[in-house]
Amino acid sequence: MSARQDLLTHLATGTTTICQCWDVTRVDGVVLGFTDHDRDLTFDGVTYRAASGLTAKALQTGTGLSANNSEAMGALSSASINETDIAAGRFDGAEITAWMVNWANVGARMVLFRGAFGEVTRQAGAFNVELRGLTDALNQMGGKVYVKTCTAVLGDGICQFNLGLAGYRFDVPLVGRDALGRYLFGALTGAVDGWLERGRCTVQAGAGAGQVGIVKFDQTIDGQRTVELWSRFAIEPGVGDVLRLEAGCDKLNTTCQTKFSNFLNFRGFPQLPGEDWLTSHPVSGTVNNGGSLVK
């Protein structure tokens, strides 16, 4: 029999030994297991820890395309879910699977819920997380918009630009911070001032590894490359930690042509008329024949 049928047969006996288990796959690939049983359980290569303190509320299910939602809570622990990992965003969008398991025979089990982490809040040594079902993605608005600037993300599957080319990506150690809290690096060969603005800054090592910020300011001051982000990292990198700096893109067609030589993949409409064109009116002395506005 299947694992599900084994569990259903066990439930039909009227005397049950069941518990719930949850496995969480973080965005960095780390898999964590939790259970409300009083002993650790292991199946499918995952050990579900009993002392995690994680509990989940009742699952709300709906028919059709209604989203299945729930909520989980627990104590922040250095062994499982801790303050540092949550602040670094490692649990943002993490995948979660909830199981009903016969703890006396873990081969008898079935999936109750699959989804992902939503909003995570923490306070007073505890955390609370919204669990969103698989159908939640169908409630997100999608589609294309027509704007002058490019709608692709630099380096993604639509843009297709290779940021690994020399001069577009730099893995450099943090030298220090100035009086304004801006990050200081050594010289970056081949990158003029402002080259990194609007680009990504990713922490590659240290306690805050994996955090991503967007560059606001990028200049060489007193021989050191000075970089400021739009938002500070939740976990500040330390001196010597390696940060990855990537060239920035302002989404303009001229930048795509001159800085990246990637205009064939430009996904904007630079000749799209502005809003003033909607309220314009004929003016004597100008050509008003309905022809193209772009010369």
C-alpha atoms as a PDB file:
ATOM      1  CA  MET A   1       0.000   0.000   0.000  1.00  0.00           C
ATOM      2  CA  SER A   2       0.984   3.642  -0.440  1.00  0.00           C
ATOM      3  CA  ALA A   3       2.108   5.780   2.488  1.00  0.00           C
ATOM      4  CA  ARG A   4      -1.199   7.667   2.319  1.00  0.00           C
ATOM      5  CA  GLN A   5      -3.290   4.503   2.303  1.00  0.00           C
ATOM      6  CA  ASP A   6      -1.266   3.120   5.219  1.00  0.00           C
ATOM      7  CA  LEU A   7      -2.116   6.230   7.212  1.00  0.00           C
ATOM      8  CA  LEU A   8      -5.806   6.092   6.292  1.00  0.00           C
ATOM      9  CA  THR A   9      -5.907   2.442   7.399  1.00  0.00           C
ATOM     10  CA  HIS A  10      -4.281   3.435  10.676  1.00  0.00           C
ATOM     11  CA  LEU A  11      -6.800   6.256  11.218  1.00  0.00           C
ATOM     12  CA  ALA A  12      -9.677   3.833  10.600  1.00  0.00           C
ATOM     13  CA  THR A  13      -8.625   1.737  13.607  1.00  0.00           C
ATOM     14  CA  GLY A  14      -9.827   4.460  15.989  1.00  0.00           C
ATOM     15  CA  THR A  15      -6.694   4.210  18.125  1.00  0.00           C
ATOM     16  CA  THR A  16      -4.068   6.428  16.551  1.00  0.00           C
ATOM     17  CA  THR A  17      -0.472   7.494  17.061  1.00  0.00           C
ATOM     18  CA  ILE A  18      -0.248  10.540  14.838  1.00  0.00           C
ATOM     19  CA  CYS A  19       1.600  13.847  14.867  1.00  0.00           C
ATOM     20  CA  GLN A  20       2.405  16.677  12.504  1.00  0.00           C
ATOM     21  CA  CYS A  21       5.727  17.369  10.803  1.00  0.00           C
ATOM     22  CA  TRP A  22       6.930  20.312   8.754  1.00  0.00           C
ATOM     23  CA  ASP A  23       9.923  20.570   6.450  1.00  0.00           C
ATOM     24  CA  VAL A  24      11.154  24.006   5.411  1.00  0.00           C
ATOM     25  CA  THR A  25      13.473  24.607   2.451  1.00  0.00           C
ATOM     26  CA  ARG A  26      15.108  28.007   2.705  1.00  0.00           C
ATOM     27  CA  VAL A  27      16.071  30.126  -0.299  1.00  0.00           C
ATOM     28  CA  ASP A  28      19.727  29.163   0.226  1.00  0.00           C
ATOM     29  CA  GLY A  29      18.885  25.443  -0.043  1.00  0.00           C
ATOM     30  CA  VAL A  30      19.079  24.579   3.671  1.00  0.00           C
ATOM     31  CA  VAL A  31      16.348  22.089   4.704  1.00  0.00           C
ATOM     32  CA  LEU A  32      14.986  22.116   8.274  1.00  0.00           C
ATOM     33  CA  GLY A  33      12.528  19.678   9.827  1.00  0.00           C
ATOM     34  CA  PHE A  34      10.142  20.239  12.771  1.00  0.00           C
ATOM     35  CA  THR A  35       7.557  18.095  14.562  1.00  0.00           C
ATOM     36  CA  ASP A  36       5.089  18.478  17.424  1.00  0.00           C
ATOM     37  CA  HIS A  37       5.925  14.932  18.582  1.00  0.00           C
ATOM     38  CA  ASP A  38       8.038  14.491  21.736  1.00  0.00           C
ATOM     39  CA  ARG A  39      10.827  12.649  19.855  1.00  0.00           C
ATOM     40  CA  ASP A  40      12.762  13.338  16.677  1.00  0.00           C
ATOM     41  CA  LEU A  41      11.460  11.578  13.551  1.00  0.00           C
ATOM     42  CA  THR A  42      13.297  10.861  10.299  1.00  0.00           C
ATOM     43  CA  PHE A  43      11.968  10.086   6.817  1.00  0.00           C
ATOM     44  CA  ASP A  44      12.869  11.010   3.232  1.00  0.00           C
ATOM     45  CA  GLY A  45      16.331  11.981   4.437  1.00  0.00           C
ATOM     46  CA  VAL A  46      15.048  14.768   6.715  1.00  0.00           C
ATOM     47  CA  THR A  47      15.203  14.710  10.504  1.00  0.00           C
ATOM     48  CA  TYR A  48      12.217  16.415  12.115  1.00  0.00           C
ATOM     49  CA  ARG A  49      13.284  17.931  15.441  1.00  0.00           C
ATOM     50  CA  ALA A  50      10.987  17.679  18.437  1.00  0.00           C
ATOM     51  CA  ALA A  51      12.588  20.460  20.489  1.00  0.00           C
ATOM     52  CA  SER A  52      12.106  23.155  17.851  1.00  0.00           C
ATOM     53  CA  GLY A  53       9.129  24.851  19.497  1.00  0.00           C
ATOM     54  CA  LEU A  54       7.426  25.321  16.136  1.00  0.00           C
ATOM     55  CA  THR A  55       3.639  25.001  16.089  1.00  0.00           C
ATOM     56  CA  ALA A  56       1.073  25.673  13.365  1.00  0.00           C
ATOM     57  CA  LYS A  57      -2.524  26.833  13.471  1.00  0.00           C
ATOM     58  CA  ALA A  58      -5.378  24.995  11.791  1.00  0.00           C
ATOM     59  CA  LEU A  59      -5.235  24.913   8.011  1.00  0.00           C
ATOM     60  CA  GLN A  60      -7.917  26.899   6.178  1.00  0.00           C
ATOM     61  CA  THR A  61      -8.807  25.242   2.888  1.00  0.00           C
ATOM     62  CA  GLY A  62     -11.043  26.434   0.104  1.00  0.00           C
ATOM     63  CA  THR A  63     -12.600  25.064  -3.044  1.00  0.00           C
ATOM     64  CA  GLY A  64     -11.616  25.903  -6.589  1.00  0.00           C
ATOM     65  CA  LEU A  65      -8.725  28.382  -6.832  1.00  0.00           C
ATOM     66  CA  SER A  66      -9.161  29.767  -3.316  1.00  0.00           C
ATOM     67  CA  ALA A  67      -5.835  29.977  -1.501  1.00  0.00           C
ATOM     68  CA  ASN A  68      -5.092  27.560   1.333  1.00  0.00           C
ATOM     69  CA  ASN A  69      -3.574  29.543   4.179  1.00  0.00           C
ATOM     70  CA  SER A  70      -2.287  28.897   7.655  1.00  0.00           C
ATOM     71  CA  GLU A  71       0.087  30.358  10.198  1.00  0.00           C
ATOM     72  CA  ALA A  72       3.049  29.058  12.159  1.00  0.00           C
ATOM     73  CA  MET A  73       4.758  30.363  15.268  1.00  0.00           C
ATOM     74  CA  GLY A  74       7.598  29.407  17.534  1.00  0.00           C
ATOM     75  CA  ALA A  75      10.530  30.499  19.653  1.00  0.00           C
ATOM     76  CA  LEU A  76      13.688  31.847  18.064  1.00  0.00           C
ATOM     77  CA  SER A  77      16.419  29.266  18.588  1.00  0.00           C
ATOM     78  CA  SER A  78      20.060  29.191  17.520  1.00  0.00           C
ATOM     79  CA  ALA A  79      19.570  25.538  16.519  1.00  0.00           C
ATOM     80  CA  SER A  80      16.715  26.065  14.056  1.00  0.00           C
ATOM     81  CA  ILE A  81      15.096  29.434  13.274  1.00  0.00           C
ATOM     82  CA  ASN A  82      17.122  32.313  14.641  1.00  0.00           C
ATOM     83  CA  GLU A  83      17.108  36.097  14.579  1.00  0.00           C
ATOM     84  CA  THR A  84      20.106  36.320  12.261  1.00  0.00           C
ATOM     85  CA  ASP A  85      18.651  34.097   9.529  1.00  0.00           C
ATOM     86  CA  ILE A  86      15.279  35.882   9.574  1.00  0.00           C
ATOM     87  CA  ALA A  87      16.904  39.326   9.440  1.00  0.00           C
ATOM     88  CA  ALA A  88      19.094  38.193   6.535  1.00  0.00           C
ATOM     89  CA  GLY A  89      15.971  37.162   4.586  1.00  0.00           C
ATOM     90  CA  ARG A  90      16.912  33.487   4.356  1.00  0.00           C
ATOM     91  CA  PHE A  91      13.343  32.449   5.211  1.00  0.00           C
ATOM     92  CA  ASP A  92      11.663  34.882   2.794  1.00  0.00           C
ATOM     93  CA  GLY A  93       9.648  32.767   0.351  1.00  0.00           C
ATOM     94  CA  ALA A  94      10.893  29.502   1.891  1.00  0.00           C
ATOM     95  CA  GLU A  95       8.999  26.406   0.739  1.00  0.00           C
ATOM     96  CA  ILE A  96       7.115  24.434   3.388  1.00  0.00           C
ATOM     97  CA  THR A  97       5.407  21.040   3.419  1.00  0.00           C
ATOM     98  CA  ALA A  98       3.172  19.927   6.315  1.00  0.00           C
ATOM     99  CA  TRP A  99       2.670  16.207   6.980  1.00  0.00           C
ATOM    100  CA  MET A 100       0.392  14.055   9.080  1.00  0.00           C
ATOM    101  CA  VAL A 101       2.562  11.148  10.255  1.00  0.00           C
ATOM    102  CA  ASN A 102       2.088   7.973  12.256  1.00  0.00           C
ATOM    103  CA  TRP A 103       4.985   8.401  14.666  1.00  0.00           C
ATOM    104  CA  ALA A 104       4.969   4.672  15.448  1.00  0.00           C
ATOM    105  CA  ASN A 105       5.440   3.939  11.718  1.00  0.00           C
ATOM    106  CA  VAL A 106       6.689   6.952   9.774  1.00  0.00           C
ATOM    107  CA  GLY A 107       6.087   5.046   6.527  1.00  0.00           C
ATOM    108  CA  ALA A 108       2.385   5.855   7.049  1.00  0.00           C
ATOM    109  CA  ARG A 109       2.015   9.549   6.262  1.00  0.00           C
ATOM    110  CA  MET A 110       0.413  12.041   3.898  1.00  0.00           C
ATOM    111  CA  VAL A 111       0.838  15.665   2.892  1.00  0.00           C
ATOM    112  CA  LEU A 112      -1.591  18.143   4.457  1.00  0.00           C
ATOM    113  CA  PHE A 113      -0.260  21.371   3.000  1.00  0.00           C
ATOM    114  CA  ARG A 114       2.299  22.695   0.533  1.00  0.00           C
ATOM    115  CA  GLY A 115       3.156  26.324   0.174  1.00  0.00           C
ATOM    116  CA  ALA A 116       5.617  29.029   1.067  1.00  0.00           C
ATOM    117  CA  PHE A 117       6.452  31.483   3.812  1.00  0.00           C
ATOM    118  CA  GLY A 118       4.724  34.842   3.552  1.00  0.00           C
ATOM    119  CA  GLU A 119       5.218  37.707   5.980  1.00  0.00           C
ATOM    120  CA  VAL A 120       7.549  36.885   8.881  1.00  0.00           C
ATOM    121  CA  THR A 121       7.351  38.968  12.063  1.00  0.00           C
ATOM    122  CA  ARG A 122       9.447  38.623  15.192  1.00  0.00           C
ATOM    123  CA  GLN A 123       9.402  40.105  18.668  1.00  0.00           C
ATOM    124  CA  ALA A 124      10.365  39.198  22.237  1.00  0.00           C
ATOM    125  CA  GLY A 125      12.366  36.137  21.211  1.00  0.00           C
ATOM    126  CA  ALA A 126       9.558  34.618  19.107  1.00  0.00           C
ATOM    127  CA  PHE A 127       8.453  34.641  15.489  1.00  0.00           C
ATOM    128  CA  ASN A 128       5.174  34.392  13.607  1.00  0.00           C
ATOM    129  CA  VAL A 129       4.960  33.496   9.926  1.00  0.00           C
ATOM    130  CA  GLU A 130       2.108  33.497   7.417  1.00  0.00           C
ATOM    131  CA  LEU A 131       1.912  30.310   5.343  1.00  0.00           C
ATOM    132  CA  ARG A 132       0.610  30.764   1.799  1.00  0.00           C
ATOM    133  CA  GLY A 133      -0.747  27.885  -0.276  1.00  0.00           C
ATOM    134  CA  LEU A 134       0.328  27.027  -3.815  1.00  0.00           C
ATOM    135  CA  THR A 135      -2.732  28.705  -5.330  1.00  0.00           C
ATOM    136  CA  ASP A 136      -1.741  32.041  -3.779  1.00  0.00           C
ATOM    137  CA  ALA A 137       0.476  32.703  -6.822  1.00  0.00           C
ATOM    138  CA  LEU A 138      -2.669  32.709  -8.997  1.00  0.00           C
ATOM    139  CA  ASN A 139      -3.943  35.740  -7.080  1.00  0.00           C
ATOM    140  CA  GLN A 140      -0.943  37.849  -8.111  1.00  0.00           C
ATOM    141  CA  MET A 141      -1.494  40.375 -10.884  1.00  0.00           C
ATOM    142  CA  GLY A 142       0.607  39.792 -13.981  1.00  0.00           C
ATOM    143  CA  GLY A 143       1.062  40.908 -17.531  1.00  0.00           C
ATOM    144  CA  LYS A 144       3.140  43.350 -19.528  1.00  0.00           C
ATOM    145  CA  VAL A 145       3.146  47.123 -19.351  1.00  0.00           C
ATOM    146  CA  TYR A 146       4.132  49.575 -22.070  1.00  0.00           C
ATOM    147  CA  VAL A 147       6.644  52.106 -20.753  1.00  0.00           C
ATOM    148  CA  LYS A 148       9.643  53.928 -22.189  1.00  0.00           C
ATOM    149  CA  THR A 149      12.142  52.243 -19.885  1.00  0.00           C
ATOM    150  CA  CYS A 150      13.157  48.582 -19.942  1.00  0.00           C
ATOM    151  CA  THR A 151      11.050  46.199 -17.834  1.00  0.00           C
ATOM    152  CA  ALA A 152      13.683  43.432 -17.652  1.00  0.00           C
ATOM    153  CA  VAL A 153      16.018  42.899 -14.703  1.00  0.00           C
ATOM    154  CA  LEU A 154      19.666  43.258 -15.613  1.00  0.00           C
ATOM    155  CA  GLY A 155      21.126  39.795 -16.158  1.00  0.00           C
ATOM    156  CA  ASP A 156      17.830  37.847 -16.016  1.00  0.00           C
ATOM    157  CA  GLY A 157      16.483  35.457 -18.661  1.00  0.00           C
ATOM    158  CA  ILE A 158      14.837  38.288 -20.583  1.00  0.00           C
ATOM    159  CA  CYS A 159      17.760  40.712 -20.494  1.00  0.00           C
ATOM    160  CA  GLN A 160      20.272  37.886 -21.113  1.00  0.00           C
ATOM    161  CA  PHE A 161      23.253  40.114 -20.370  1.00  0.00           C
ATOM    162  CA  ASN A 162      26.208  38.212 -18.881  1.00  0.00           C
ATOM    163  CA  LEU A 163      27.216  40.062 -15.718  1.00  0.00           C
ATOM    164  CA  GLY A 164      30.173  37.698 -15.400  1.00  0.00           C
ATOM    165  CA  LEU A 165      32.023  39.620 -18.110  1.00  0.00           C
ATOM    166  CA  ALA A 166      35.105  41.537 -16.972  1.00  0.00           C
ATOM    167  CA  GLY A 167      34.263  44.995 -15.655  1.00  0.00           C
ATOM    168  CA  TYR A 168      30.630  44.249 -14.757  1.00  0.00           C
ATOM    169  CA  ARG A 169      31.025  42.235 -11.554  1.00  0.00           C
ATOM    170  CA  PHE A 170      33.514  42.694  -8.720  1.00  0.00           C
ATOM    171  CA  ASP A 171      34.018  40.439  -5.690  1.00  0.00           C
ATOM    172  CA  VAL A 172      35.917  42.650  -3.259  1.00  0.00           C
ATOM    173  CA  PRO A 173      36.559  42.670   0.511  1.00  0.00           C
ATOM    174  CA  LEU A 174      35.088  45.430   2.630  1.00  0.00           C
ATOM    175  CA  VAL A 175      37.857  47.765   3.783  1.00  0.00           C
ATOM    176  CA  GLY A 176      35.799  49.819   6.229  1.00  0.00           C
ATOM    177  CA  ARG A 177      33.141  52.540   6.563  1.00  0.00           C
ATOM    178  CA  ASP A 178      33.348  56.299   6.459  1.00  0.00           C
ATOM    179  CA  ALA A 179      31.787  58.760   8.916  1.00  0.00           C
ATOM    180  CA  LEU A 180      28.449  58.520   7.060  1.00  0.00           C
ATOM    181  CA  GLY A 181      28.364  54.733   7.260  1.00  0.00           C
ATOM    182  CA  ARG A 182      29.122  54.242   3.570  1.00  0.00           C
ATOM    183  CA  TYR A 183      31.091  51.158   2.541  1.00  0.00           C
ATOM    184  CA  LEU A 184      34.725  51.559   1.506  1.00  0.00           C
ATOM    185  CA  PHE A 185      36.567  49.330  -0.962  1.00  0.00           C
ATOM    186  CA  GLY A 186      39.826  49.384  -2.864  1.00  0.00           C
ATOM    187  CA  ALA A 187      40.071  50.625  -6.432  1.00  0.00           C
ATOM    188  CA  LEU A 188      37.852  48.910  -9.031  1.00  0.00           C
ATOM    189  CA  THR A 189      39.694  48.574 -12.317  1.00  0.00           C
ATOM    190  CA  GLY A 190      37.591  49.382 -15.361  1.00  0.00           C
ATOM    191  CA  ALA A 191      34.658  50.933 -13.480  1.00  0.00           C
ATOM    192  CA  VAL A 192      34.237  54.710 -13.674  1.00  0.00           C
ATOM    193  CA  ASP A 193      32.472  56.637 -10.919  1.00  0.00           C
ATOM    194  CA  GLY A 194      28.733  55.959 -10.963  1.00  0.00           C
ATOM    195  CA  TRP A 195      29.216  52.645 -12.789  1.00  0.00           C
ATOM    196  CA  LEU A 196      27.638  50.694  -9.908  1.00  0.00           C
ATOM    197  CA  GLU A 197      24.693  53.007  -9.194  1.00  0.00           C
ATOM    198  CA  ARG A 198      21.369  51.094  -9.329  1.00  0.00           C
ATOM    199  CA  GLY A 199      23.352  47.869  -9.333  1.00  0.00           C
ATOM    200  CA  ARG A 200      23.183  45.039  -6.805  1.00  0.00           C
ATOM    201  CA  CYS A 201      25.460  44.620  -3.803  1.00  0.00           C
ATOM    202  CA  THR A 202      25.403  41.080  -2.404  1.00  0.00           C
ATOM    203  CA  VAL A 203      27.103  39.902   0.779  1.00  0.00           C
ATOM    204  CA  GLN A 204      29.104  36.796  -0.100  1.00  0.00           C
ATOM    205  CA  ALA A 205      30.575  35.873   3.299  1.00  0.00           C
ATOM    206  CA  GLY A 206      30.083  36.406   7.007  1.00  0.00           C
ATOM    207  CA  ALA A 207      26.981  36.334   9.207  1.00  0.00           C
ATOM    208  CA  GLY A 208      24.980  38.366   6.686  1.00  0.00           C
ATOM    209  CA  ALA A 209      25.814  36.251   3.629  1.00  0.00           C
ATOM    210  CA  GLY A 210      23.054  36.267   1.012  1.00  0.00           C
ATOM    211  CA  GLN A 211      21.717  39.758   1.723  1.00  0.00           C
ATOM    212  CA  VAL A 212      21.170  41.953  -1.330  1.00  0.00           C
ATOM    213  CA  GLY A 213      21.091  45.740  -1.481  1.00  0.00           C
ATOM    214  CA  ILE A 214      20.800  48.317  -4.292  1.00  0.00           C
ATOM    215  CA  VAL A 215      23.553  50.888  -4.778  1.00  0.00           C
ATOM    216  CA  LYS A 216      22.508  54.529  -4.390  1.00  0.00           C
ATOM    217  CA  PHE A 217      25.894  56.281  -4.527  1.00  0.00           C
ATOM    218  CA  ASP A 218      29.189  55.174  -6.076  1.00  0.00           C
ATOM    219  CA  GLN A 219      32.242  57.452  -6.207  1.00  0.00           C
ATOM    220  CA  THR A 220      35.995  57.299  -5.652  1.00  0.00           C
ATOM    221  CA  ILE A 221      36.898  59.485  -2.674  1.00  0.00           C
ATOM    222  CA  ASP A 222      40.468  59.832  -1.393  1.00  0.00           C
ATOM    223  CA  GLY A 223      41.537  56.809  -3.397  1.00  0.00           C
ATOM    224  CA  GLN A 224      38.843  54.496  -2.007  1.00  0.00           C
ATOM    225  CA  ARG A 225      35.694  53.332  -3.764  1.00  0.00           C
ATOM    226  CA  THR A 226      32.807  54.645  -1.652  1.00  0.00           C
ATOM    227  CA  VAL A 227      29.440  52.897  -1.978  1.00  0.00           C
ATOM    228  CA  GLU A 228      26.138  53.795  -0.307  1.00  0.00           C
ATOM    229  CA  LEU A 229      23.007  51.621  -0.457  1.00  0.00           C
ATOM    230  CA  TRP A 230      19.390  52.778  -0.591  1.00  0.00           C
ATOM    231  CA  SER A 231      18.675  50.622   2.492  1.00  0.00           C
ATOM    232  CA  ARG A 232      21.182  49.390   5.053  1.00  0.00           C
ATOM    233  CA  PHE A 233      21.687  45.669   5.461  1.00  0.00           C
ATOM    234  CA  ALA A 234      19.791  44.113   8.375  1.00  0.00           C
ATOM    235  CA  ILE A 235      23.052  42.388   9.364  1.00  0.00           C
ATOM    236  CA  GLU A 236      25.998  44.642   8.681  1.00  0.00           C
ATOM    237  CA  PRO A 237      28.975  42.972   6.978  1.00  0.00           C
ATOM    238  CA  GLY A 238      32.263  43.124   8.809  1.00  0.00           C
ATOM    239  CA  VAL A 239      35.626  44.386   7.607  1.00  0.00           C
ATOM    240  CA  GLY A 240      37.155  41.710   5.387  1.00  0.00           C
ATOM    241  CA  ASP A 241      33.800  40.189   4.353  1.00  0.00           C
ATOM    242  CA  VAL A 242      33.563  39.799   0.574  1.00  0.00           C
ATOM    243  CA  LEU A 243      30.805  41.749  -1.191  1.00  0.00           C
ATOM    244  CA  ARG A 244      29.785  41.331  -4.818  1.00  0.00           C
ATOM    245  CA  LEU A 245      29.261  44.623  -6.652  1.00  0.00           C
ATOM    246  CA  GLU A 246      27.476  44.587 -10.016  1.00  0.00           C
ATOM    247  CA  ALA A 247      27.152  47.282 -12.646  1.00  0.00           C
ATOM    248  CA  GLY A 248      23.893  49.229 -12.497  1.00  0.00           C
ATOM    249  CA  CYS A 249      21.338  49.938 -15.193  1.00  0.00           C
ATOM    250  CA  ASP A 250      18.996  52.959 -15.324  1.00  0.00           C
ATOM    251  CA  LYS A 251      16.700  51.116 -17.807  1.00  0.00           C
ATOM    252  CA  LEU A 252      17.205  53.694 -20.596  1.00  0.00           C
ATOM    253  CA  ASN A 253      17.701  52.600 -24.196  1.00  0.00           C
ATOM    254  CA  THR A 254      20.857  54.702 -24.549  1.00  0.00           C
ATOM    255  CA  THR A 255      22.404  52.970 -21.530  1.00  0.00           C
ATOM    256  CA  CYS A 256      21.506  49.573 -22.942  1.00  0.00           C
ATOM    257  CA  GLN A 257      23.289  50.500 -26.171  1.00  0.00           C
ATOM    258  CA  THR A 258      26.409  52.222 -24.863  1.00  0.00           C
ATOM    259  CA  LYS A 259      27.084  50.569 -21.498  1.00  0.00           C
ATOM    260  CA  PHE A 260      25.980  46.992 -22.189  1.00  0.00           C
ATOM    261  CA  SER A 261      25.765  46.704 -26.024  1.00  0.00           C
ATOM    262  CA  ASN A 262      22.565  44.732 -25.453  1.00  0.00           C
ATOM    263  CA  PHE A 263      19.924  46.748 -27.293  1.00  0.00           C
ATOM    264  CA  LEU A 264      18.548  43.675 -29.097  1.00  0.00           C
ATOM    265  CA  ASN A 265      17.179  42.549 -25.721  1.00  0.00           C
ATOM    266  CA  PHE A 266      15.875  45.969 -24.649  1.00  0.00           C
ATOM    267  CA  ARG A 267      12.312  45.564 -23.361  1.00  0.00           C
ATOM    268  CA  GLY A 268      11.087  49.158 -23.297  1.00  0.00           C
ATOM    269  CA  PHE A 269       9.316  51.458 -25.757  1.00  0.00           C
ATOM    270  CA  PRO A 270      11.505  54.590 -25.931  1.00  0.00           C
ATOM    271  CA  GLN A 271       9.388  56.191 -28.668  1.00  0.00           C
ATOM    272  CA  LEU A 272       6.154  55.901 -26.704  1.00  0.00           C
ATOM    273  CA  PRO A 273       4.481  59.374 -26.541  1.00  0.00           C
ATOM    274  CA  GLY A 274       4.281  60.976 -23.112  1.00  0.00           C
ATOM    275  CA  GLU A 275       1.106  61.973 -21.284  1.00  0.00           C
ATOM    276  CA  ASP A 276       1.263  65.554 -22.713  1.00  0.00           C
ATOM    277  CA  TRP A 277       0.520  64.084 -26.131  1.00  0.00           C
ATOM    278  CA  LEU A 278      -2.960  63.060 -24.903  1.00  0.00           C
ATOM    279  CA  THR A 279      -3.914  66.691 -24.261  1.00  0.00           C
ATOM    280  CA  SER A 280      -2.077  68.276 -27.194  1.00  0.00           C
ATOM    281  CA  HIS A 281      -3.929  70.354 -29.803  1.00  0.00           C
ATOM    282  CA  PRO A 282      -3.119  71.651 -33.300  1.00  0.00           C
ATOM    283  CA  VAL A 283      -0.893  74.711 -33.409  1.00  0.00           C
ATOM    284  CA  SER A 284      -0.649  76.997 -36.415  1.00  0.00           C
ATOM    285  CA  GLY A 285       2.741  77.013 -38.028  1.00  0.00           C
ATOM    286  CA  THR A 286       3.442  73.325 -37.308  1.00  0.00           C
ATOM    287  CA  VAL A 287       2.756  70.253 -39.384  1.00  0.00           C
ATOM    288  CA  ASN A 288      -0.424  68.532 -38.179  1.00  0.00           C
ATOM    289  CA  ASN A 289      -0.884  65.737 -40.687  1.00  0.00           C
ATOM    290  CA  GLY A 290      -1.156  62.790 -38.284  1.00  0.00           C
ATOM    291  CA  GLY A 291       2.320  61.559 -39.188  1.00  0.00           C
ATOM    292  CA  SER A 292       4.904  60.063 -36.854  1.00  0.00           C
ATOM    293  CA  LEU A 293       5.986  62.204 -33.904  1.00  0.00           C
ATOM    294  CA  VAL A 294       9.451  60.609 -34.039  1.00  0.00           C
ATOM    295  CA  LYS A 295      11.865  61.925 -36.667  1.00  0.00           C
END
